[in-house]
Amino acid sequence: MKSNLILLVFTLFFLGAYAQDSFIKLPQTAKINCPMLLIDEHIIANRNIITSKEDIEEIAVIKDKPRRETHDFYNLSENGIASVTLKKKIASKTQGELNTFFGLDANNNVYVNGYLIESPKYKFATESIVEVELVTPTAENKLKQKVINIWTLTRDERVDGCKQ
């Protein structure tokens, strides 16, 4: 009996320690394979925000899968992240500003391209907002309340993916 209990505890510890975190996303993200673009480490944008190579001060690609416990951009990383520091300043809106504009509580969850933004530090480049979708709870998406989903991808990119 004691050895079975020890085996059970060891198994639970082993499985818990090596379990993969899942990405929190809406059902419509299934066909998307576009990397996320972060400007100045906290502004979510699309590649159209960069108009010339002279705009770029620094660029980095996050290729390793980060850990949820140590990186607040974990949920944005399923398809990779390109992080760019620009020489120019870009206009942006906070998650709270967008929620309030659409009649939701300022602290309501916000999704980008179908992925939950887990940190309130992220903003959106206003030039990069292609569409804002108000998503209501359904059995399929399992939401508890209405949320907004900010699309930085065109309809074609959502279906066919991004051009490399």
C-alpha atoms as a PDB file:
ATOM      1  CA  MET A   1       0.000   0.000   0.000  1.00  0.00           C
ATOM      2  CA  LYS A   2       2.782   2.403   0.951  1.00  0.00           C
ATOM      3  CA  SER A   3       4.699   1.677  -2.270  1.00  0.00           C
ATOM      4  CA  ASN A   4       1.529   2.309  -4.345  1.00  0.00           C
ATOM      5  CA  LEU A   5       1.068   5.680  -2.641  1.00  0.00           C
ATOM      6  CA  ILE A   6       4.689   6.634  -3.284  1.00  0.00           C
ATOM      7  CA  LEU A   7       4.337   5.562  -6.918  1.00  0.00           C
ATOM      8  CA  LEU A   8       1.152   7.641  -7.290  1.00  0.00           C
ATOM      9  CA  VAL A   9       2.772  10.750  -5.769  1.00  0.00           C
ATOM     10  CA  PHE A  10       5.883  10.315  -7.957  1.00  0.00           C
ATOM     11  CA  THR A  11       3.738   9.864 -11.089  1.00  0.00           C
ATOM     12  CA  LEU A  12       1.664  12.983 -10.336  1.00  0.00           C
ATOM     13  CA  PHE A  13       4.811  15.009  -9.683  1.00  0.00           C
ATOM     14  CA  PHE A  14       6.492  13.742 -12.854  1.00  0.00           C
ATOM     15  CA  LEU A  15       3.451  14.409 -15.045  1.00  0.00           C
ATOM     16  CA  GLY A  16       2.867  17.812 -13.494  1.00  0.00           C
ATOM     17  CA  ALA A  17       6.483  18.898 -13.895  1.00  0.00           C
ATOM     18  CA  TYR A  18       6.663  17.930 -17.561  1.00  0.00           C
ATOM     19  CA  ALA A  19       3.143  18.784 -18.714  1.00  0.00           C
ATOM     20  CA  GLN A  20       3.003  21.218 -21.620  1.00  0.00           C
ATOM     21  CA  ASP A  21       1.147  24.465 -21.094  1.00  0.00           C
ATOM     22  CA  SER A  22      -1.596  24.924 -23.597  1.00  0.00           C
ATOM     23  CA  PHE A  23      -2.228  28.151 -25.441  1.00  0.00           C
ATOM     24  CA  ILE A  24      -5.422  29.976 -24.499  1.00  0.00           C
ATOM     25  CA  LYS A  25      -7.106  30.828 -27.769  1.00  0.00           C
ATOM     26  CA  LEU A  26     -10.411  31.206 -29.536  1.00  0.00           C
ATOM     27  CA  PRO A  27     -11.555  28.508 -31.994  1.00  0.00           C
ATOM     28  CA  GLN A  28     -10.997  30.760 -35.041  1.00  0.00           C
ATOM     29  CA  THR A  29      -7.201  30.690 -34.579  1.00  0.00           C
ATOM     30  CA  ALA A  30      -6.934  27.168 -36.014  1.00  0.00           C
ATOM     31  CA  LYS A  31      -5.528  28.088 -39.441  1.00  0.00           C
ATOM     32  CA  ILE A  32      -3.282  30.957 -38.420  1.00  0.00           C
ATOM     33  CA  ASN A  33       0.475  30.447 -38.740  1.00  0.00           C
ATOM     34  CA  CYS A  34       1.667  34.038 -38.568  1.00  0.00           C
ATOM     35  CA  PRO A  35       4.268  35.121 -36.011  1.00  0.00           C
ATOM     36  CA  MET A  36       3.358  37.853 -33.553  1.00  0.00           C
ATOM     37  CA  LEU A  37       5.126  41.208 -33.950  1.00  0.00           C
ATOM     38  CA  LEU A  38       6.055  43.142 -30.812  1.00  0.00           C
ATOM     39  CA  ILE A  39       7.254  46.718 -31.197  1.00  0.00           C
ATOM     40  CA  ASP A  40       9.400  48.143 -28.406  1.00  0.00           C
ATOM     41  CA  GLU A  41       8.611  45.041 -26.309  1.00  0.00           C
ATOM     42  CA  HIS A  42       5.013  45.998 -25.493  1.00  0.00           C
ATOM     43  CA  ILE A  43       3.101  47.122 -28.594  1.00  0.00           C
ATOM     44  CA  ILE A  44       1.400  44.466 -30.710  1.00  0.00           C
ATOM     45  CA  ALA A  45       1.462  45.315 -34.393  1.00  0.00           C
ATOM     46  CA  ASN A  46       1.526  43.865 -37.887  1.00  0.00           C
ATOM     47  CA  ARG A  47       4.426  44.040 -40.310  1.00  0.00           C
ATOM     48  CA  ASN A  48       2.885  46.976 -42.199  1.00  0.00           C
ATOM     49  CA  ILE A  49       3.969  49.249 -39.335  1.00  0.00           C
ATOM     50  CA  ILE A  50       7.552  48.986 -40.624  1.00  0.00           C
ATOM     51  CA  THR A  51       7.678  51.127 -43.744  1.00  0.00           C
ATOM     52  CA  SER A  52      11.429  50.932 -44.418  1.00  0.00           C
ATOM     53  CA  LYS A  53      14.512  49.238 -43.036  1.00  0.00           C
ATOM     54  CA  GLU A  54      15.690  52.649 -41.813  1.00  0.00           C
ATOM     55  CA  ASP A  55      12.834  52.538 -39.255  1.00  0.00           C
ATOM     56  CA  ILE A  56      14.423  49.539 -37.530  1.00  0.00           C
ATOM     57  CA  GLU A  57      16.880  50.044 -34.716  1.00  0.00           C
ATOM     58  CA  GLU A  58      17.026  46.415 -33.581  1.00  0.00           C
ATOM     59  CA  ILE A  59      15.283  43.149 -34.397  1.00  0.00           C
ATOM     60  CA  ALA A  60      15.161  39.816 -32.572  1.00  0.00           C
ATOM     61  CA  VAL A  61      13.348  36.574 -33.203  1.00  0.00           C
ATOM     62  CA  ILE A  62      12.204  34.450 -30.295  1.00  0.00           C
ATOM     63  CA  LYS A  63      12.575  30.915 -31.552  1.00  0.00           C
ATOM     64  CA  ASP A  64      12.545  28.898 -28.329  1.00  0.00           C
ATOM     65  CA  LYS A  65       9.243  28.177 -26.666  1.00  0.00           C
ATOM     66  CA  PRO A  66       9.160  30.340 -23.535  1.00  0.00           C
ATOM     67  CA  ARG A  67       7.796  29.167 -20.205  1.00  0.00           C
ATOM     68  CA  ARG A  68       4.486  30.610 -19.003  1.00  0.00           C
ATOM     69  CA  GLU A  69       5.900  31.187 -15.497  1.00  0.00           C
ATOM     70  CA  THR A  70       8.745  33.402 -16.677  1.00  0.00           C
ATOM     71  CA  HIS A  71       7.464  35.166 -19.817  1.00  0.00           C
ATOM     72  CA  ASP A  72       4.309  37.281 -19.981  1.00  0.00           C
ATOM     73  CA  PHE A  73       4.253  36.859 -23.773  1.00  0.00           C
ATOM     74  CA  TYR A  74       3.976  33.054 -23.546  1.00  0.00           C
ATOM     75  CA  ASN A  75       0.445  32.883 -24.971  1.00  0.00           C
ATOM     76  CA  LEU A  76       1.444  35.016 -27.969  1.00  0.00           C
ATOM     77  CA  SER A  77       4.308  32.707 -28.942  1.00  0.00           C
ATOM     78  CA  GLU A  78       2.651  29.675 -30.553  1.00  0.00           C
ATOM     79  CA  ASN A  79       3.716  30.787 -34.054  1.00  0.00           C
ATOM     80  CA  GLY A  80       6.844  32.656 -32.957  1.00  0.00           C
ATOM     81  CA  ILE A  81       7.515  36.265 -32.052  1.00  0.00           C
ATOM     82  CA  ALA A  82       9.489  38.935 -33.859  1.00  0.00           C
ATOM     83  CA  SER A  83      10.529  41.724 -31.515  1.00  0.00           C
ATOM     84  CA  VAL A  84      11.482  45.009 -33.159  1.00  0.00           C
ATOM     85  CA  THR A  85      12.759  48.248 -31.708  1.00  0.00           C
ATOM     86  CA  LEU A  86      11.848  51.158 -33.950  1.00  0.00           C
ATOM     87  CA  LYS A  87      13.481  54.555 -34.281  1.00  0.00           C
ATOM     88  CA  LYS A  88      10.051  56.155 -34.679  1.00  0.00           C
ATOM     89  CA  LYS A  89       7.217  56.350 -32.167  1.00  0.00           C
ATOM     90  CA  ILE A  90       3.890  54.796 -33.104  1.00  0.00           C
ATOM     91  CA  ALA A  91       0.398  55.550 -31.863  1.00  0.00           C
ATOM     92  CA  SER A  92      -1.132  52.870 -29.679  1.00  0.00           C
ATOM     93  CA  LYS A  93      -4.111  52.097 -27.455  1.00  0.00           C
ATOM     94  CA  THR A  94      -4.179  50.146 -24.199  1.00  0.00           C
ATOM     95  CA  GLN A  95      -6.374  47.124 -23.658  1.00  0.00           C
ATOM     96  CA  GLY A  96      -8.452  49.130 -21.173  1.00  0.00           C
ATOM     97  CA  GLU A  97      -9.011  51.955 -23.667  1.00  0.00           C
ATOM     98  CA  LEU A  98     -10.228  49.498 -26.300  1.00  0.00           C
ATOM     99  CA  ASN A  99     -12.502  47.655 -23.863  1.00  0.00           C
ATOM    100  CA  THR A 100     -14.045  50.922 -22.677  1.00  0.00           C
ATOM    101  CA  PHE A 101     -14.552  52.142 -26.253  1.00  0.00           C
ATOM    102  CA  PHE A 102     -16.506  48.970 -27.052  1.00  0.00           C
ATOM    103  CA  GLY A 103     -18.645  49.232 -23.915  1.00  0.00           C
ATOM    104  CA  LEU A 104     -16.904  46.551 -21.871  1.00  0.00           C
ATOM    105  CA  ASP A 105     -15.267  46.721 -18.456  1.00  0.00           C
ATOM    106  CA  ALA A 106     -11.745  48.165 -18.765  1.00  0.00           C
ATOM    107  CA  ASN A 107     -10.240  45.025 -17.169  1.00  0.00           C
ATOM    108  CA  ASN A 108     -12.034  42.614 -19.505  1.00  0.00           C
ATOM    109  CA  ASN A 109      -9.935  40.017 -21.317  1.00  0.00           C
ATOM    110  CA  VAL A 110      -8.623  40.977 -24.762  1.00  0.00           C
ATOM    111  CA  TYR A 111      -7.538  38.613 -27.514  1.00  0.00           C
ATOM    112  CA  VAL A 112      -5.286  39.333 -30.474  1.00  0.00           C
ATOM    113  CA  ASN A 113      -5.645  37.210 -33.600  1.00  0.00           C
ATOM    114  CA  GLY A 114      -7.540  34.771 -31.396  1.00  0.00           C
ATOM    115  CA  TYR A 115      -4.913  34.490 -28.610  1.00  0.00           C
ATOM    116  CA  LEU A 116      -5.586  35.712 -25.074  1.00  0.00           C
ATOM    117  CA  ILE A 117      -3.316  38.524 -23.951  1.00  0.00           C
ATOM    118  CA  GLU A 118      -2.327  37.463 -20.457  1.00  0.00           C
ATOM    119  CA  SER A 119      -0.562  40.678 -19.435  1.00  0.00           C
ATOM    120  CA  PRO A 120      -2.109  44.152 -19.220  1.00  0.00           C
ATOM    121  CA  LYS A 121       1.212  45.747 -20.268  1.00  0.00           C
ATOM    122  CA  TYR A 122       0.574  45.095 -23.977  1.00  0.00           C
ATOM    123  CA  LYS A 123      -0.875  47.820 -26.191  1.00  0.00           C
ATOM    124  CA  PHE A 124      -2.016  47.812 -29.821  1.00  0.00           C
ATOM    125  CA  ALA A 125      -0.551  49.884 -32.642  1.00  0.00           C
ATOM    126  CA  THR A 126      -3.622  51.717 -33.914  1.00  0.00           C
ATOM    127  CA  GLU A 127      -2.357  51.519 -37.523  1.00  0.00           C
ATOM    128  CA  SER A 128      -2.186  47.730 -37.193  1.00  0.00           C
ATOM    129  CA  ILE A 129      -5.773  47.126 -36.143  1.00  0.00           C
ATOM    130  CA  VAL A 130      -7.436  45.553 -39.165  1.00  0.00           C
ATOM    131  CA  GLU A 131     -10.685  44.587 -37.448  1.00  0.00           C
ATOM    132  CA  VAL A 132     -12.197  44.448 -33.975  1.00  0.00           C
ATOM    133  CA  GLU A 133     -14.555  41.596 -33.273  1.00  0.00           C
ATOM    134  CA  LEU A 134     -16.929  41.405 -30.314  1.00  0.00           C
ATOM    135  CA  VAL A 135     -17.025  37.736 -29.328  1.00  0.00           C
ATOM    136  CA  THR A 136     -19.978  36.495 -27.308  1.00  0.00           C
ATOM    137  CA  PRO A 137     -19.864  33.353 -25.171  1.00  0.00           C
ATOM    138  CA  THR A 138     -20.788  30.077 -26.879  1.00  0.00           C
ATOM    139  CA  ALA A 139     -20.400  26.399 -26.070  1.00  0.00           C
ATOM    140  CA  GLU A 140     -17.558  26.264 -28.606  1.00  0.00           C
ATOM    141  CA  ASN A 141     -15.424  29.142 -27.247  1.00  0.00           C
ATOM    142  CA  LYS A 142     -16.281  28.509 -23.557  1.00  0.00           C
ATOM    143  CA  LEU A 143     -16.064  32.220 -22.692  1.00  0.00           C
ATOM    144  CA  LYS A 144     -17.732  33.463 -19.523  1.00  0.00           C
ATOM    145  CA  GLN A 145     -18.361  36.983 -20.852  1.00  0.00           C
ATOM    146  CA  LYS A 146     -18.121  39.048 -24.025  1.00  0.00           C
ATOM    147  CA  VAL A 147     -14.567  39.862 -25.116  1.00  0.00           C
ATOM    148  CA  ILE A 148     -12.942  41.731 -27.938  1.00  0.00           C
ATOM    149  CA  ASN A 149     -10.605  40.072 -30.404  1.00  0.00           C
ATOM    150  CA  ILE A 150      -8.266  42.468 -32.199  1.00  0.00           C
ATOM    151  CA  TRP A 151      -7.245  41.285 -35.652  1.00  0.00           C
ATOM    152  CA  THR A 152      -3.870  42.507 -36.906  1.00  0.00           C
ATOM    153  CA  LEU A 153      -4.111  40.068 -39.815  1.00  0.00           C
ATOM    154  CA  THR A 154      -6.121  40.499 -42.991  1.00  0.00           C
ATOM    155  CA  ARG A 155      -8.836  37.963 -43.815  1.00  0.00           C
ATOM    156  CA  ASP A 156      -6.510  36.340 -46.374  1.00  0.00           C
ATOM    157  CA  GLU A 157      -3.697  36.007 -43.812  1.00  0.00           C
ATOM    158  CA  ARG A 158      -6.138  34.424 -41.356  1.00  0.00           C
ATOM    159  CA  VAL A 159      -6.914  31.650 -43.840  1.00  0.00           C
ATOM    160  CA  ASP A 160      -3.784  31.297 -45.969  1.00  0.00           C
ATOM    161  CA  GLY A 161      -1.161  32.357 -43.431  1.00  0.00           C
ATOM    162  CA  CYS A 162       1.452  35.058 -43.745  1.00  0.00           C
ATOM    163  CA  LYS A 163       3.804  35.546 -46.638  1.00  0.00           C
ATOM    164  CA  GLN A 164       7.400  35.016 -45.635  1.00  0.00           C
END
